[in-house]
Amino acid sequence: MSEIENIVAVQAVARPAPRASHRAGLRVIATYEIIKTVCLLLVAAVAFHLDREQNFERLVHWLEHLSLSDSNGLRWQMVSMLQEFGPSRFVAVGLVALGYAVLFGIEGVGLLLGKYWAEWFTVIATASLIPIELYETLHRFGWLKLAALVGNVAIVVYLVRVALQTRETRRVAAHARTH
């Protein structure tokens, strides 16, 4: 082994692995993904429940007779939107919610288990939704939409940095083992 290779090998051993120092960040992201999974599973369950005409009519009836003095306009907008939407479309909403729940669940569990592929899987899945979130934020601004957009951009940047550091650490360790 050359002197430079020895120095690199010693530095790789002496320095804590970036993976260990990022474990807390990965846990936070994994927890966020699992919370999204649970919420989407609830949305899917409600949507599949509302696809039945009787349950749908019960919800509309309940909203029509709900006594809310401050949010009367919002309530009637919701009733109108539900009636236009109809019960049959809730199956599609349930399937989409279920699909995203599976995606976010895979991301969350993979990150919790410390799987390298989960970092890139989350990057790809999250980054693919950023253009849609950006469009939505620009055309129908909302603080919650902006917060979700900023949060997802931060997650992508963070995970790319972690994944690239992990790759570099693995390459240095493999190089040190072979020499």
Protein backbone atom coordinates (compact mmCIF):
# COMPACT_ATOMS: atom_id res chain seq x y z
CA MET A 1 0.00 0.00 0.00
CA SER A 2 1.31 3.45 -0.84
CA GLU A 3 1.54 6.14 1.80
CA ILE A 4 -1.45 8.02 0.32
CA GLU A 5 -3.58 4.88 0.40
CA ASN A 6 -2.58 4.32 4.05
CA ILE A 7 -3.60 7.87 4.95
CA VAL A 8 -6.94 7.47 3.17
CA ALA A 9 -7.56 4.13 4.91
CA VAL A 10 -6.68 5.57 8.35
CA GLN A 11 -8.93 8.60 7.76
CA ALA A 12 -11.80 6.36 6.68
CA VAL A 13 -11.47 4.31 9.88
CA ALA A 14 -10.92 7.29 12.19
CA ARG A 15 -13.83 9.28 10.81
CA PRO A 16 -17.33 8.17 11.83
CA ALA A 17 -19.32 6.93 8.88
CA PRO A 18 -21.61 9.59 7.45
CA ARG A 19 -24.38 7.02 7.59
CA ALA A 20 -24.23 6.87 11.38
CA SER A 21 -24.27 10.65 11.72
CA HIS A 22 -27.33 10.87 9.47
CA ARG A 23 -29.31 8.13 11.19
CA ALA A 24 -31.48 10.64 13.13
CA GLY A 25 -32.32 12.58 9.97
CA LEU A 26 -33.25 9.39 8.17
CA ARG A 27 -35.47 8.38 11.10
CA VAL A 28 -37.30 11.72 10.96
CA ILE A 29 -37.93 11.32 7.22
CA ALA A 30 -39.00 7.69 7.73
CA THR A 31 -41.44 8.75 10.46
CA TYR A 32 -42.85 11.45 8.16
CA GLU A 33 -43.33 8.87 5.39
CA ILE A 34 -45.05 6.45 7.77
CA ILE A 35 -47.37 9.21 9.05
CA LYS A 36 -48.30 9.99 5.43
CA THR A 37 -48.91 6.26 4.90
CA VAL A 38 -51.30 6.03 7.85
CA CYS A 39 -53.16 9.18 6.77
CA LEU A 40 -53.54 7.89 3.23
CA LEU A 41 -54.76 4.52 4.49
CA LEU A 42 -57.44 6.40 6.44
CA VAL A 43 -58.37 8.42 3.34
CA ALA A 44 -58.60 5.19 1.33
CA ALA A 45 -60.80 3.54 3.98
CA VAL A 46 -63.15 6.54 4.04
CA ALA A 47 -63.21 6.72 0.23
CA PHE A 48 -64.04 3.02 -0.09
CA HIS A 49 -66.75 3.51 2.53
CA LEU A 50 -68.25 6.49 0.67
CA ASP A 51 -68.52 4.64 -2.63
CA ARG A 52 -71.76 3.14 -1.34
CA GLU A 53 -74.71 5.37 -2.15
CA GLN A 54 -76.24 4.98 1.32
CA ASN A 55 -73.05 6.07 3.14
CA PHE A 56 -72.52 8.93 0.69
CA GLU A 57 -76.09 10.21 1.17
CA ARG A 58 -75.70 9.95 4.95
CA LEU A 59 -72.57 12.17 4.81
CA VAL A 60 -74.27 14.74 2.56
CA HIS A 61 -77.35 14.75 4.81
CA TRP A 62 -75.17 15.19 7.90
CA LEU A 63 -73.30 18.11 6.30
CA GLU A 64 -76.55 19.75 5.19
CA HIS A 65 -77.95 19.65 8.73
CA LEU A 66 -74.75 20.48 10.58
CA SER A 67 -75.13 23.75 12.46
CA LEU A 68 -71.97 25.76 12.00
CA SER A 69 -72.55 29.48 12.16
CA ASP A 70 -69.10 30.71 11.11
CA SER A 71 -68.42 28.29 8.27
CA ASN A 72 -71.80 28.05 6.57
CA GLY A 73 -70.43 29.01 3.14
CA LEU A 74 -67.68 26.43 3.35
CA ARG A 75 -70.16 23.75 4.38
CA TRP A 76 -72.42 24.40 1.38
CA GLN A 77 -69.42 24.45 -0.96
CA MET A 78 -68.44 21.05 0.41
CA VAL A 79 -71.97 19.67 -0.01
CA SER A 80 -72.09 20.98 -3.58
CA MET A 81 -68.65 19.55 -4.38
CA LEU A 82 -69.60 16.15 -2.94
CA GLN A 83 -72.82 16.04 -4.94
CA GLU A 84 -70.97 16.91 -8.15
CA PHE A 85 -68.32 14.33 -7.36
CA GLY A 86 -70.78 11.53 -6.62
CA PRO A 87 -70.14 8.26 -4.78
CA SER A 88 -68.77 6.35 -7.77
CA ARG A 89 -65.60 8.43 -7.98
CA PHE A 90 -64.61 7.59 -4.44
CA VAL A 91 -63.33 4.19 -5.59
CA ALA A 92 -60.75 5.99 -7.75
CA VAL A 93 -59.82 8.25 -4.83
CA GLY A 94 -59.43 5.19 -2.61
CA LEU A 95 -57.23 3.39 -5.13
CA VAL A 96 -54.96 6.41 -5.64
CA ALA A 97 -54.69 6.94 -1.87
CA LEU A 98 -53.90 3.24 -1.41
CA GLY A 99 -51.24 3.37 -4.13
CA TYR A 100 -49.52 6.35 -2.54
CA ALA A 101 -49.81 4.73 0.89
CA VAL A 102 -47.91 1.69 -0.42
CA LEU A 103 -45.25 3.94 -1.99
CA PHE A 104 -44.77 6.00 1.18
CA GLY A 105 -44.84 2.86 3.33
CA ILE A 106 -42.04 1.27 1.30
CA GLU A 107 -40.01 4.48 1.62
CA GLY A 108 -40.59 4.76 5.37
CA VAL A 109 -39.87 1.14 6.25
CA GLY A 110 -36.82 1.04 3.97
CA LEU A 111 -35.40 4.18 5.60
CA LEU A 112 -36.14 2.87 9.11
CA LEU A 113 -34.28 -0.34 8.28
CA GLY A 114 -31.34 1.71 7.00
CA LYS A 115 -31.53 0.38 3.45
CA TYR A 116 -29.35 2.23 0.95
CA TRP A 117 -31.86 1.67 -1.88
CA ALA A 118 -34.59 3.36 0.20
CA GLU A 119 -32.64 6.62 0.15
CA TRP A 120 -32.64 6.69 -3.67
CA PHE A 121 -36.18 5.33 -3.88
CA THR A 122 -37.38 8.19 -1.68
CA VAL A 123 -35.37 10.72 -3.69
CA ILE A 124 -36.90 9.56 -6.97
CA ALA A 125 -40.46 9.30 -5.65
CA THR A 126 -40.35 12.64 -3.82
CA ALA A 127 -38.57 14.50 -6.63
CA SER A 128 -41.08 13.22 -9.19
CA LEU A 129 -43.88 14.99 -7.32
CA ILE A 130 -42.08 18.34 -6.94
CA PRO A 131 -43.09 19.70 -10.38
CA ILE A 132 -46.76 19.04 -9.58
CA GLU A 133 -46.41 20.62 -6.14
CA LEU A 134 -44.67 23.64 -7.68
CA TYR A 135 -47.44 24.05 -10.25
CA GLU A 136 -50.12 23.76 -7.57
CA THR A 137 -48.34 26.23 -5.31
CA LEU A 138 -47.91 28.80 -8.08
CA HIS A 139 -51.44 28.51 -9.51
CA ARG A 140 -53.43 28.08 -6.29
CA PHE A 141 -51.19 29.40 -3.56
CA GLY A 142 -51.60 28.08 -0.05
CA TRP A 143 -49.20 28.16 2.88
CA LEU A 144 -49.65 24.42 3.43
CA LYS A 145 -48.78 23.74 -0.22
CA LEU A 146 -45.71 25.94 0.05
CA ALA A 147 -44.62 24.19 3.25
CA ALA A 148 -45.05 20.76 1.60
CA LEU A 149 -43.05 21.92 -1.43
CA VAL A 150 -40.20 23.34 0.66
CA GLY A 151 -40.20 20.25 2.90
CA ASN A 152 -40.03 17.85 -0.03
CA VAL A 153 -37.23 19.83 -1.71
CA ALA A 154 -35.31 19.74 1.58
CA ILE A 155 -35.87 15.97 1.87
CA VAL A 156 -34.59 15.39 -1.67
CA VAL A 157 -31.48 17.54 -1.15
CA TYR A 158 -30.74 15.92 2.22
CA LEU A 159 -31.17 12.36 0.95
CA VAL A 160 -29.04 12.96 -2.16
CA ARG A 161 -26.25 14.26 0.07
CA VAL A 162 -26.56 11.30 2.46
CA ALA A 163 -26.70 8.75 -0.36
CA LEU A 164 -23.68 10.26 -2.12
CA GLN A 165 -21.70 10.33 1.15
CA THR A 166 -22.66 6.72 1.78
CA ARG A 167 -21.48 5.77 -1.71
CA GLU A 168 -18.15 7.59 -1.20
CA THR A 169 -17.66 5.92 2.20
CA ARG A 170 -18.32 2.50 0.69
CA ARG A 171 -15.88 3.14 -2.15
CA VAL A 172 -13.13 4.27 0.23
CA ALA A 173 -13.73 1.27 2.50
CA ALA A 174 -13.68 -1.14 -0.43
CA HIS A 175 -10.51 0.44 -1.75
CA ALA A 176 -8.85 0.15 1.69
CA ARG A 177 -9.85 -3.54 1.96
CA THR A 178 -8.38 -4.44 -1.42
CA HIS A 179 -5.01 -2.82 -0.73
